[in-house]
Amino acid sequence: MTVEIKEKGAVLQPEDAANILKKVLAAEQPIDQDKEHFWIFGLNSRNLVQYLELVSLGTLNASLVHPREVFRLAVMKGIAQTIMAHNHPSGDPEPSRDDLLITKRLVEAGKILGIEVIDHIVIGGPKDQNPAMSFKEKNLL
């Protein structure tokens, strides 16, 4: 599912992306809020959001993510850079070993395609009080 952003604002900080995702997640059916989601923001060279795409809707603690699906729309739309994001229904935004591995793989795929991955955000859940974690801020990218 792709969400076209009507007000194409800039994502300048990890909190900007996290706040958008928390609103999107909170608007979903409660049964889907408890599943792991993997999104991709498509940004132009000025960090203006061009789209937000739900790449994968998974299970309670996993989602299937492949570079082919992550970068498909970015290639079609000529996107300069992306922000990857996913949620942890448990509420704990700390990245798992699998999160670290897939992030590394997707960053490398982006380099091959000439599409920069500028961050990977993990949100704890749809509520404002739930924390978010930025790979960039933790020097994991």
Protein backbone atom coordinates (compact mmCIF):
# COMPACT_ATOMS: atom_id res chain seq x y z
CA MET A 1 0.00 0.00 0.00
CA THR A 2 1.37 3.40 -0.96
CA VAL A 3 0.30 6.60 0.70
CA GLU A 4 0.71 9.74 -1.37
CA ILE A 5 1.63 12.59 0.91
CA LYS A 6 -0.55 15.63 0.19
CA GLU A 7 1.57 18.08 2.17
CA LYS A 8 5.02 17.06 1.06
CA GLY A 9 6.97 18.35 4.04
CA ALA A 10 10.60 17.72 4.74
CA VAL A 11 11.77 14.98 7.05
CA LEU A 12 14.67 16.68 8.78
CA GLN A 13 14.90 14.64 11.98
CA PRO A 14 14.13 11.03 12.95
CA GLU A 15 11.24 12.31 15.08
CA ASP A 16 9.57 13.72 11.95
CA ALA A 17 9.42 10.27 10.37
CA ALA A 18 8.47 8.57 13.63
CA ASN A 19 5.56 10.95 14.22
CA ILE A 20 4.18 10.32 10.72
CA LEU A 21 4.43 6.55 11.21
CA LYS A 22 2.78 6.60 14.63
CA LYS A 23 -0.20 8.42 13.10
CA VAL A 24 -0.40 5.94 10.22
CA LEU A 25 -0.19 2.98 12.60
CA ALA A 26 -2.76 4.45 15.01
CA ALA A 27 -5.23 4.86 12.11
CA GLU A 28 -5.10 1.14 11.28
CA GLN A 29 -7.44 -1.52 12.59
CA PRO A 30 -6.41 -2.60 16.11
CA ILE A 31 -5.73 -6.16 14.94
CA ASP A 32 -3.17 -4.88 12.42
CA GLN A 33 -1.48 -2.56 14.92
CA ASP A 34 -0.12 -5.68 16.63
CA LYS A 35 1.73 -6.80 13.50
CA GLU A 36 5.16 -5.75 12.38
CA HIS A 37 5.12 -3.27 9.47
CA PHE A 38 7.99 -2.25 7.21
CA TRP A 39 7.67 1.13 5.47
CA ILE A 40 9.81 3.14 3.12
CA PHE A 41 9.75 6.91 2.69
CA GLY A 42 10.71 8.14 -0.76
CA LEU A 43 12.43 11.52 -0.52
CA ASN A 44 13.72 13.93 -3.11
CA SER A 45 17.17 15.51 -2.84
CA ARG A 46 15.80 18.16 -0.45
CA ASN A 47 14.36 15.56 1.94
CA LEU A 48 10.80 16.31 0.85
CA VAL A 49 8.56 13.28 1.23
CA GLN A 50 7.26 12.05 -2.12
CA TYR A 51 5.53 8.94 -0.82
CA LEU A 52 5.26 6.51 2.07
CA GLU A 53 4.93 2.86 1.09
CA LEU A 54 4.02 -0.10 3.27
CA VAL A 55 6.41 -2.69 1.86
CA SER A 56 5.52 -5.54 4.21
CA LEU A 57 2.85 -6.35 6.78
CA GLY A 58 4.17 -9.19 8.87
CA THR A 59 3.36 -11.08 12.01
CA LEU A 60 3.70 -10.28 15.70
CA ASN A 61 7.49 -10.22 15.57
CA ALA A 62 8.64 -10.48 11.96
CA SER A 63 8.11 -9.10 8.49
CA LEU A 64 9.46 -10.32 5.16
CA VAL A 65 11.67 -7.68 3.56
CA HIS A 66 13.60 -7.95 0.29
CA PRO A 67 15.56 -5.24 -1.58
CA ARG A 68 13.49 -5.85 -4.72
CA GLU A 69 10.29 -4.67 -3.02
CA VAL A 70 11.95 -1.99 -0.88
CA PHE A 71 13.44 -0.14 -3.86
CA ARG A 72 10.88 -0.95 -6.59
CA LEU A 73 8.87 2.26 -6.26
CA ALA A 74 11.97 4.36 -5.55
CA VAL A 75 13.48 3.27 -8.88
CA MET A 76 10.21 3.86 -10.76
CA LYS A 77 9.81 7.36 -9.31
CA GLY A 78 13.46 8.40 -9.56
CA ILE A 79 13.85 8.88 -5.82
CA ALA A 80 17.14 10.29 -4.51
CA GLN A 81 17.05 8.91 -0.98
CA THR A 82 14.97 6.84 1.38
CA ILE A 83 14.21 6.33 5.03
CA MET A 84 13.35 2.80 6.06
CA ALA A 85 11.15 2.23 9.07
CA HIS A 86 9.43 -0.51 10.96
CA ASN A 87 7.60 -1.03 14.22
CA HIS A 88 8.08 -3.41 17.10
CA PRO A 89 4.65 -4.33 18.48
CA SER A 90 6.37 -5.26 21.77
CA GLY A 91 6.95 -1.54 22.35
CA ASP A 92 10.75 -1.90 22.60
CA PRO A 93 12.41 -0.08 19.69
CA GLU A 94 15.87 -1.61 20.18
CA PRO A 95 16.97 -3.30 16.94
CA SER A 96 17.29 -7.06 16.81
CA ARG A 97 20.15 -8.92 15.15
CA ASP A 98 17.89 -9.47 12.13
CA ASP A 99 17.13 -5.72 12.02
CA LEU A 100 20.84 -4.96 11.89
CA LEU A 101 21.48 -7.53 9.15
CA ILE A 102 18.61 -6.46 6.88
CA THR A 103 19.53 -2.81 7.31
CA LYS A 104 23.09 -3.50 6.20
CA ARG A 105 21.81 -5.47 3.21
CA LEU A 106 19.36 -2.76 2.17
CA VAL A 107 21.95 0.02 2.53
CA GLU A 108 24.28 -1.95 0.22
CA ALA A 109 21.46 -2.53 -2.29
CA GLY A 110 20.66 1.18 -2.21
CA LYS A 111 24.30 2.02 -2.95
CA ILE A 112 24.24 -0.23 -6.01
CA LEU A 113 21.08 1.51 -7.23
CA GLY A 114 22.34 5.00 -6.40
CA ILE A 115 19.59 5.52 -3.81
CA GLU A 116 20.90 6.64 -0.43
CA VAL A 117 19.36 5.16 2.70
CA ILE A 118 19.62 8.06 5.14
CA ASP A 119 18.08 6.35 8.18
CA HIS A 120 16.18 3.38 9.54
CA ILE A 121 13.64 4.24 12.22
CA VAL A 122 12.14 1.71 14.64
CA ILE A 123 9.01 2.77 16.48
CA GLY A 124 7.66 1.08 19.57
CA GLY A 125 4.01 1.43 18.65
CA PRO A 126 1.26 3.84 17.60
CA LYS A 127 1.01 5.82 20.83
CA ASP A 128 2.91 9.09 21.28
CA GLN A 129 4.51 7.94 24.53
CA ASN A 130 6.14 4.93 22.83
CA PRO A 131 9.77 5.55 21.96
CA ALA A 132 11.45 5.53 18.58
CA MET A 133 15.02 4.65 17.69
CA SER A 134 17.12 5.97 14.80
CA PHE A 135 19.90 3.85 13.30
CA LYS A 136 21.60 7.06 12.17
CA GLU A 137 21.53 8.64 15.64
CA LYS A 138 22.96 5.43 17.16
CA ASN A 139 25.68 5.26 14.45
CA LEU A 140 24.34 1.93 13.16
CA LEU A 141 24.14 3.01 9.50
